Amino acid sequence: MSHPGSAPEPHTSAVAGRLNWLRAGVLGANDG
């Protein structure tokens, strides 16, 4: 996404990786 006055911001693969970590972390902590 091109934002005026800022650098391009990635959304797909970066978010997918972040969500993968978040899912594993939250599930692990909750189960623990």
PDB file of all heavy atoms in Angstrom:
ATOM      1  N   MET A   1       0.856  -1.179   0.000  1.00  0.00           N
ATOM      2  CA  MET A   1       0.000   0.000   0.000  1.00  0.00           C
ATOM      3  C   MET A   1       0.894   1.232   0.000  1.00  0.00           C
ATOM      4  O   MET A   1       1.750   1.394   0.884  1.00  0.00           O
ATOM      5  CB  MET A   1      -0.882   0.015   1.239  1.00  0.00           C
ATOM      6  CG  MET A   1      -1.791  -1.215   1.343  1.00  0.00           C
ATOM      7  SD  MET A   1      -2.972  -1.321   0.006  1.00  0.00           S
ATOM      8  CE  MET A   1      -4.016   0.058   0.401  1.00  0.00           C
ATOM      9  N   SER A   2       0.721   2.098  -1.003  1.00  0.00           N
ATOM     10  CA  SER A   2       1.523   3.308  -1.089  1.00  0.00           C
ATOM     11  C   SER A   2       0.840   4.404  -0.284  1.00  0.00           C
ATOM     12  O   SER A   2      -0.275   4.800  -0.601  1.00  0.00           O
ATOM     13  CB  SER A   2       1.657   3.748  -2.553  1.00  0.00           C
ATOM     14  OG  SER A   2       2.304   2.751  -3.302  1.00  0.00           O
ATOM     15  N   HIS A   3       1.494   4.876   0.750  1.00  0.00           N
ATOM     16  CA  HIS A   3       0.943   5.919   1.593  1.00  0.00           C
ATOM     17  C   HIS A   3       1.690   7.206   1.319  1.00  0.00           C
ATOM     18  O   HIS A   3       2.922   7.215   1.264  1.00  0.00           O
ATOM     19  CB  HIS A   3       1.092   5.549   3.074  1.00  0.00           C
ATOM     20  CG  HIS A   3       0.342   4.304   3.421  1.00  0.00           C
ATOM     21  ND1 HIS A   3      -1.000   4.305   3.667  1.00  0.00           N
ATOM     22  CD2 HIS A   3       0.758   3.018   3.568  1.00  0.00           C
ATOM     23  CE1 HIS A   3      -1.390   3.069   3.968  1.00  0.00           C
ATOM     24  NE2 HIS A   3      -0.348   2.283   3.895  1.00  0.00           N
ATOM     25  N   PRO A   4       0.984   8.298   1.162  1.00  0.00           N
ATOM     26  CA  PRO A   4       1.660   9.568   0.888  1.00  0.00           C
ATOM     27  C   PRO A   4       2.664   9.891   1.978  1.00  0.00           C
ATOM     28  O   PRO A   4       2.366   9.843   3.160  1.00  0.00           O
ATOM     29  CB  PRO A   4       0.501  10.585   0.884  1.00  0.00           C
ATOM     30  CG  PRO A   4      -0.716   9.774   0.592  1.00  0.00           C
ATOM     31  CD  PRO A   4      -0.460   8.448   1.213  1.00  0.00           C
ATOM     32  N   GLY A   5       3.892  10.187   1.549  1.00  0.00           N
ATOM     33  CA  GLY A   5       4.913  10.597   2.496  1.00  0.00           C
ATOM     34  C   GLY A   5       5.541   9.470   3.284  1.00  0.00           C
ATOM     35  O   GLY A   5       6.244   9.711   4.249  1.00  0.00           O
ATOM     36  N   SER A   6       5.254   8.229   2.911  1.00  0.00           N
ATOM     37  CA  SER A   6       5.839   7.107   3.655  1.00  0.00           C
ATOM     38  C   SER A   6       6.284   6.029   2.696  1.00  0.00           C
ATOM     39  O   SER A   6       5.917   6.012   1.536  1.00  0.00           O
ATOM     40  CB  SER A   6       4.824   6.540   4.652  1.00  0.00           C
ATOM     41  OG  SER A   6       3.731   5.980   3.958  1.00  0.00           O
ATOM     42  N   ALA A   7       7.066   5.086   3.205  1.00  0.00           N
ATOM     43  CA  ALA A   7       7.559   3.984   2.386  1.00  0.00           C
ATOM     44  C   ALA A   7       6.455   2.977   2.163  1.00  0.00           C
ATOM     45  O   ALA A   7       5.492   2.907   2.917  1.00  0.00           O
ATOM     46  CB  ALA A   7       8.744   3.322   3.083  1.00  0.00           C
ATOM     47  N   PRO A   8       6.558   2.155   1.098  1.00  0.00           N
ATOM     48  CA  PRO A   8       5.565   1.115   0.852  1.00  0.00           C
ATOM     49  C   PRO A   8       5.461   0.178   2.047  1.00  0.00           C
ATOM     50  O   PRO A   8       6.459  -0.136   2.692  1.00  0.00           O
ATOM     51  CB  PRO A   8       6.115   0.383  -0.379  1.00  0.00           C
ATOM     52  CG  PRO A   8       7.001   1.369  -1.049  1.00  0.00           C
ATOM     53  CD  PRO A   8       7.596   2.187   0.057  1.00  0.00           C
ATOM     54  N   GLU A   9       4.241  -0.245   2.329  1.00  0.00           N
ATOM     55  CA  GLU A   9       3.994  -1.090   3.491  1.00  0.00           C
ATOM     56  C   GLU A   9       3.534  -2.465   3.044  1.00  0.00           C
ATOM     57  O   GLU A   9       2.490  -2.607   2.430  1.00  0.00           O
ATOM     58  CB  GLU A   9       2.913  -0.436   4.363  1.00  0.00           C
ATOM     59  CG  GLU A   9       2.565  -1.238   5.595  1.00  0.00           C
ATOM     60  CD  GLU A   9       1.459  -0.589   6.400  1.00  0.00           C
ATOM     61  OE1 GLU A   9       1.228   0.607   6.223  1.00  0.00           O
ATOM     62  OE2 GLU A   9       0.822  -1.299   7.185  1.00  0.00           O
ATOM     63  N   PRO A  10       4.308  -3.552   3.348  1.00  0.00           N
ATOM     64  CA  PRO A  10       3.916  -4.893   2.935  1.00  0.00           C
ATOM     65  C   PRO A  10       2.723  -5.379   3.739  1.00  0.00           C
ATOM     66  O   PRO A  10       2.576  -5.067   4.904  1.00  0.00           O
ATOM     67  CB  PRO A  10       5.169  -5.733   3.242  1.00  0.00           C
ATOM     68  CG  PRO A  10       5.867  -4.998   4.314  1.00  0.00           C
ATOM     69  CD  PRO A  10       5.567  -3.542   4.086  1.00  0.00           C
ATOM     70  N   HIS A  11       1.865  -6.207   3.087  1.00  0.00           N
ATOM     71  CA  HIS A  11       0.663  -6.657   3.769  1.00  0.00           C
ATOM     72  C   HIS A  11       0.429  -8.156   3.716  1.00  0.00           C
ATOM     73  O   HIS A  11      -0.165  -8.695   4.634  1.00  0.00           O
ATOM     74  CB  HIS A  11      -0.568  -5.969   3.166  1.00  0.00           C
ATOM     75  CG  HIS A  11      -0.748  -4.559   3.657  1.00  0.00           C
ATOM     76  ND1 HIS A  11      -1.418  -4.250   4.806  1.00  0.00           N
ATOM     77  CD2 HIS A  11      -0.295  -3.391   3.154  1.00  0.00           C
ATOM     78  CE1 HIS A  11      -1.403  -2.937   4.993  1.00  0.00           C
ATOM     79  NE2 HIS A  11      -0.728  -2.405   4.010  1.00  0.00           N
ATOM     80  N   THR A  12       0.805  -8.850   2.659  1.00  0.00           N
ATOM     81  CA  THR A  12       0.381 -10.240   2.530  1.00  0.00           C
ATOM     82  C   THR A  12       1.311 -11.221   3.217  1.00  0.00           C
ATOM     83  O   THR A  12       0.968 -11.780   4.245  1.00  0.00           O
ATOM     84  CB  THR A  12       0.262 -10.611   1.049  1.00  0.00           C
ATOM     85  OG1 THR A  12       1.481 -10.249   0.378  1.00  0.00           O
ATOM     86  CG2 THR A  12      -0.889  -9.893   0.408  1.00  0.00           C
ATOM     87  N   SER A  13       2.481 -11.482   2.656  1.00  0.00           N
ATOM     88  CA  SER A  13       3.344 -12.511   3.211  1.00  0.00           C
ATOM     89  C   SER A  13       3.825 -12.157   4.608  1.00  0.00           C
ATOM     90  O   SER A  13       3.935 -13.027   5.470  1.00  0.00           O
ATOM     91  CB  SER A  13       4.545 -12.738   2.287  1.00  0.00           C
ATOM     92  OG  SER A  13       5.185 -11.521   1.987  1.00  0.00           O
ATOM     93  N   ALA A  14       4.099 -10.876   4.866  1.00  0.00           N
ATOM     94  CA  ALA A  14       4.538 -10.476   6.200  1.00  0.00           C
ATOM     95  C   ALA A  14       3.443 -10.720   7.225  1.00  0.00           C
ATOM     96  O   ALA A  14       3.696 -11.212   8.324  1.00  0.00           O
ATOM     97  CB  ALA A  14       4.947  -9.007   6.192  1.00  0.00           C
ATOM     98  N   VAL A  15       2.216 -10.352   6.862  1.00  0.00           N
ATOM     99  CA  VAL A  15       1.096 -10.574   7.765  1.00  0.00           C
ATOM    100  C   VAL A  15       0.843 -12.053   7.966  1.00  0.00           C
ATOM    101  O   VAL A  15       0.543 -12.511   9.077  1.00  0.00           O
ATOM    102  CB  VAL A  15      -0.168  -9.883   7.220  1.00  0.00           C
ATOM    103  CG1 VAL A  15      -1.393 -10.299   8.021  1.00  0.00           C
ATOM    104  CG2 VAL A  15      -0.006  -8.369   7.277  1.00  0.00           C
ATOM    105  N   ALA A  16       0.974 -12.846   6.907  1.00  0.00           N
ATOM    106  CA  ALA A  16       0.756 -14.291   7.030  1.00  0.00           C
ATOM    107  C   ALA A  16       1.756 -14.902   7.991  1.00  0.00           C
ATOM    108  O   ALA A  16       1.397 -15.737   8.840  1.00  0.00           O
ATOM    109  CB  ALA A  16       0.878 -14.943   5.653  1.00  0.00           C
ATOM    110  N   GLY A  17       3.030 -14.508   7.891  1.00  0.00           N
ATOM    111  CA  GLY A  17       4.029 -15.028   8.815  1.00  0.00           C
ATOM    112  C   GLY A  17       3.760 -14.597  10.241  1.00  0.00           C
ATOM    113  O   GLY A  17       3.905 -15.369  11.183  1.00  0.00           O
ATOM    114  N   ARG A  18       3.351 -13.355  10.396  1.00  0.00           N
ATOM    115  CA  ARG A  18       3.045 -12.841  11.730  1.00  0.00           C
ATOM    116  C   ARG A  18       1.863 -13.576  12.348  1.00  0.00           C
ATOM    117  O   ARG A  18       1.881 -13.934  13.527  1.00  0.00           O
ATOM    118  CB  ARG A  18       2.737 -11.344  11.628  1.00  0.00           C
ATOM    119  CG  ARG A  18       2.387 -10.675  12.953  1.00  0.00           C
ATOM    120  CD  ARG A  18       2.056  -9.225  12.687  1.00  0.00           C
ATOM    121  NE  ARG A  18       1.629  -8.549  13.889  1.00  0.00           N
ATOM    122  CZ  ARG A  18       1.157  -7.304  13.918  1.00  0.00           C
ATOM    123  NH1 ARG A  18       1.067  -6.632  12.787  1.00  0.00           N
ATOM    124  NH2 ARG A  18       0.794  -6.747  15.038  1.00  0.00           N
ATOM    125  N   LEU A  19       0.841 -13.820  11.557  1.00  0.00           N
ATOM    126  CA  LEU A  19      -0.332 -14.539  12.058  1.00  0.00           C
ATOM    127  C   LEU A  19       0.009 -15.979  12.404  1.00  0.00           C
ATOM    128  O   LEU A  19      -0.575 -16.550  13.335  1.00  0.00           O
ATOM    129  CB  LEU A  19      -1.460 -14.488  11.021  1.00  0.00           C
ATOM    130  CG  LEU A  19      -2.104 -13.124  10.801  1.00  0.00           C
ATOM    131  CD1 LEU A  19      -3.172 -13.210   9.719  1.00  0.00           C
ATOM    132  CD2 LEU A  19      -2.720 -12.598  12.095  1.00  0.00           C
ATOM    133  N   ASN A  20       0.926 -16.585  11.641  1.00  0.00           N
ATOM    134  CA  ASN A  20       1.335 -17.958  11.947  1.00  0.00           C
ATOM    135  C   ASN A  20       1.998 -18.028  13.319  1.00  0.00           C
ATOM    136  O   ASN A  20       1.698 -18.905  14.128  1.00  0.00           O
ATOM    137  CB  ASN A  20       2.295 -18.460  10.870  1.00  0.00           C
ATOM    138  CG  ASN A  20       2.626 -19.930  11.030  1.00  0.00           C
ATOM    139  OD1 ASN A  20       1.742 -20.757  11.239  1.00  0.00           O
ATOM    140  ND2 ASN A  20       3.894 -20.260  10.943  1.00  0.00           N
ATOM    141  N   TRP A  21       2.904 -17.091  13.589  1.00  0.00           N
ATOM    142  CA  TRP A  21       3.543 -17.034  14.897  1.00  0.00           C
ATOM    143  C   TRP A  21       2.532 -16.723  15.987  1.00  0.00           C
ATOM    144  O   TRP A  21       2.567 -17.319  17.074  1.00  0.00           O
ATOM    145  CB  TRP A  21       4.615 -15.943  14.888  1.00  0.00           C
ATOM    146  CG  TRP A  21       5.926 -16.396  14.365  1.00  0.00           C
ATOM    147  CD1 TRP A  21       6.288 -16.563  13.054  1.00  0.00           C
ATOM    148  CD2 TRP A  21       7.074 -16.758  15.129  1.00  0.00           C
ATOM    149  NE1 TRP A  21       7.576 -17.002  12.963  1.00  0.00           N
ATOM    150  CE2 TRP A  21       8.095 -17.122  14.212  1.00  0.00           C
ATOM    151  CE3 TRP A  21       7.348 -16.798  16.494  1.00  0.00           C
ATOM    152  CZ2 TRP A  21       9.366 -17.523  14.630  1.00  0.00           C
ATOM    153  CZ3 TRP A  21       8.616 -17.201  16.908  1.00  0.00           C
ATOM    154  CH2 TRP A  21       9.598 -17.559  15.976  1.00  0.00           C
ATOM    155  N   LEU A  22       1.632 -15.777  15.711  1.00  0.00           N
ATOM    156  CA  LEU A  22       0.635 -15.381  16.701  1.00  0.00           C
ATOM    157  C   LEU A  22      -0.263 -16.543  17.063  1.00  0.00           C
ATOM    158  O   LEU A  22      -0.545 -16.792  18.243  1.00  0.00           O
ATOM    159  CB  LEU A  22      -0.194 -14.214  16.151  1.00  0.00           C
ATOM    160  CG  LEU A  22      -1.332 -13.715  17.049  1.00  0.00           C
ATOM    161  CD1 LEU A  22      -0.780 -13.199  18.372  1.00  0.00           C
ATOM    162  CD2 LEU A  22      -2.116 -12.617  16.335  1.00  0.00           C
ATOM    163  N   ARG A  23      -0.706 -17.275  16.046  1.00  0.00           N
ATOM    164  CA  ARG A  23      -1.589 -18.415  16.293  1.00  0.00           C
ATOM    165  C   ARG A  23      -0.895 -19.456  17.166  1.00  0.00           C
ATOM    166  O   ARG A  23      -1.451 -19.928  18.166  1.00  0.00           O
ATOM    167  CB  ARG A  23      -1.995 -19.047  14.960  1.00  0.00           C
ATOM    168  CG  ARG A  23      -2.868 -20.296  15.102  1.00  0.00           C
ATOM    169  CD  ARG A  23      -3.066 -20.948  13.747  1.00  0.00           C
ATOM    170  NE  ARG A  23      -1.816 -21.368  13.153  1.00  0.00           N
ATOM    171  CZ  ARG A  23      -1.193 -22.503  13.475  1.00  0.00           C
ATOM    172  NH1 ARG A  23      -1.704 -23.313  14.369  1.00  0.00           N
ATOM    173  NH2 ARG A  23      -0.050 -22.816  12.890  1.00  0.00           N
ATOM    174  N   ALA A  24       0.329 -19.829  16.809  1.00  0.00           N
ATOM    175  CA  ALA A  24       1.059 -20.833  17.575  1.00  0.00           C
ATOM    176  C   ALA A  24       1.336 -20.348  18.991  1.00  0.00           C
ATOM    177  O   ALA A  24       1.194 -21.113  19.964  1.00  0.00           O
ATOM    178  CB  ALA A  24       2.368 -21.175  16.862  1.00  0.00           C
ATOM    179  N   GLY A  25       1.714 -19.074  19.132  1.00  0.00           N
ATOM    180  CA  GLY A  25       2.020 -18.538  20.453  1.00  0.00           C
ATOM    181  C   GLY A  25       0.815 -18.467  21.362  1.00  0.00           C
ATOM    182  O   GLY A  25       0.873 -18.850  22.533  1.00  0.00           O
ATOM    183  N   VAL A  26      -0.300 -17.958  20.827  1.00  0.00           N
ATOM    184  CA  VAL A  26      -1.512 -17.823  21.638  1.00  0.00           C
ATOM    185  C   VAL A  26      -2.057 -19.192  22.026  1.00  0.00           C
ATOM    186  O   VAL A  26      -2.441 -19.426  23.176  1.00  0.00           O
ATOM    187  CB  VAL A  26      -2.577 -17.006  20.891  1.00  0.00           C
ATOM    188  CG1 VAL A  26      -3.910 -17.063  21.623  1.00  0.00           C
ATOM    189  CG2 VAL A  26      -2.124 -15.560  20.751  1.00  0.00           C
ATOM    190  N   LEU A  27      -2.096 -20.113  21.064  1.00  0.00           N
ATOM    191  CA  LEU A  27      -2.581 -21.457  21.364  1.00  0.00           C
ATOM    192  C   LEU A  27      -1.698 -22.129  22.413  1.00  0.00           C
ATOM    193  O   LEU A  27      -2.197 -22.783  23.335  1.00  0.00           O
ATOM    194  CB  LEU A  27      -2.619 -22.307  20.091  1.00  0.00           C
ATOM    195  CG  LEU A  27      -3.757 -22.024  19.118  1.00  0.00           C
ATOM    196  CD1 LEU A  27      -3.588 -22.872  17.861  1.00  0.00           C
ATOM    197  CD2 LEU A  27      -5.105 -22.295  19.757  1.00  0.00           C
ATOM    198  N   GLY A  28      -0.376 -21.978  22.270  1.00  0.00           N
ATOM    199  CA  GLY A  28       0.534 -22.588  23.223  1.00  0.00           C
ATOM    200  C   GLY A  28       0.372 -22.019  24.619  1.00  0.00           C
ATOM    201  O   GLY A  28       0.284 -22.764  25.609  1.00  0.00           O
ATOM    202  N   ALA A  29       0.330 -20.687  24.729  1.00  0.00           N
ATOM    203  CA  ALA A  29       0.191 -20.058  26.037  1.00  0.00           C
ATOM    204  C   ALA A  29      -1.147 -20.418  26.680  1.00  0.00           C
ATOM    205  O   ALA A  29      -1.213 -20.743  27.871  1.00  0.00           O
ATOM    206  CB  ALA A  29       0.319 -18.544  25.896  1.00  0.00           C
ATOM    207  N   ASN A  30      -2.210 -20.372  25.887  1.00  0.00           N
ATOM    208  CA  ASN A  30      -3.531 -20.681  26.418  1.00  0.00           C
ATOM    209  C   ASN A  30      -3.597 -22.129  26.907  1.00  0.00           C
ATOM    210  O   ASN A  30      -4.095 -22.422  27.999  1.00  0.00           O
ATOM    211  CB  ASN A  30      -4.588 -20.445  25.342  1.00  0.00           C
ATOM    212  CG  ASN A  30      -5.989 -20.710  25.843  1.00  0.00           C
ATOM    213  OD1 ASN A  30      -6.459 -20.070  26.773  1.00  0.00           O
ATOM    214  ND2 ASN A  30      -6.659 -21.669  25.231  1.00  0.00           N
ATOM    215  N   ASP A  31      -3.082 -23.053  26.095  1.00  0.00           N
ATOM    216  CA  ASP A  31      -3.081 -24.464  26.493  1.00  0.00           C
ATOM    217  C   ASP A  31      -2.222 -24.689  27.730  1.00  0.00           C
ATOM    218  O   ASP A  31      -2.581 -25.472  28.622  1.00  0.00           O
ATOM    219  CB  ASP A  31      -2.558 -25.334  25.348  1.00  0.00           C
ATOM    220  CG  ASP A  31      -3.669 -25.770  24.411  1.00  0.00           C
ATOM    221  OD1 ASP A  31      -4.769 -25.232  24.545  1.00  0.00           O
ATOM    222  OD2 ASP A  31      -3.424 -26.632  23.560  1.00  0.00           O
ATOM    223  N   GLY A  32      -1.070 -24.021  27.777  1.00  0.00           N
ATOM    224  CA  GLY A  32      -0.191 -24.187  28.927  1.00  0.00           C
ATOM    225  C   GLY A  32      -0.843 -23.723  30.214  1.00  0.00           C
ATOM    226  O   GLY A  32      -0.786 -24.405  31.243  1.00  0.00           O
TER     227      GLY A  32
END
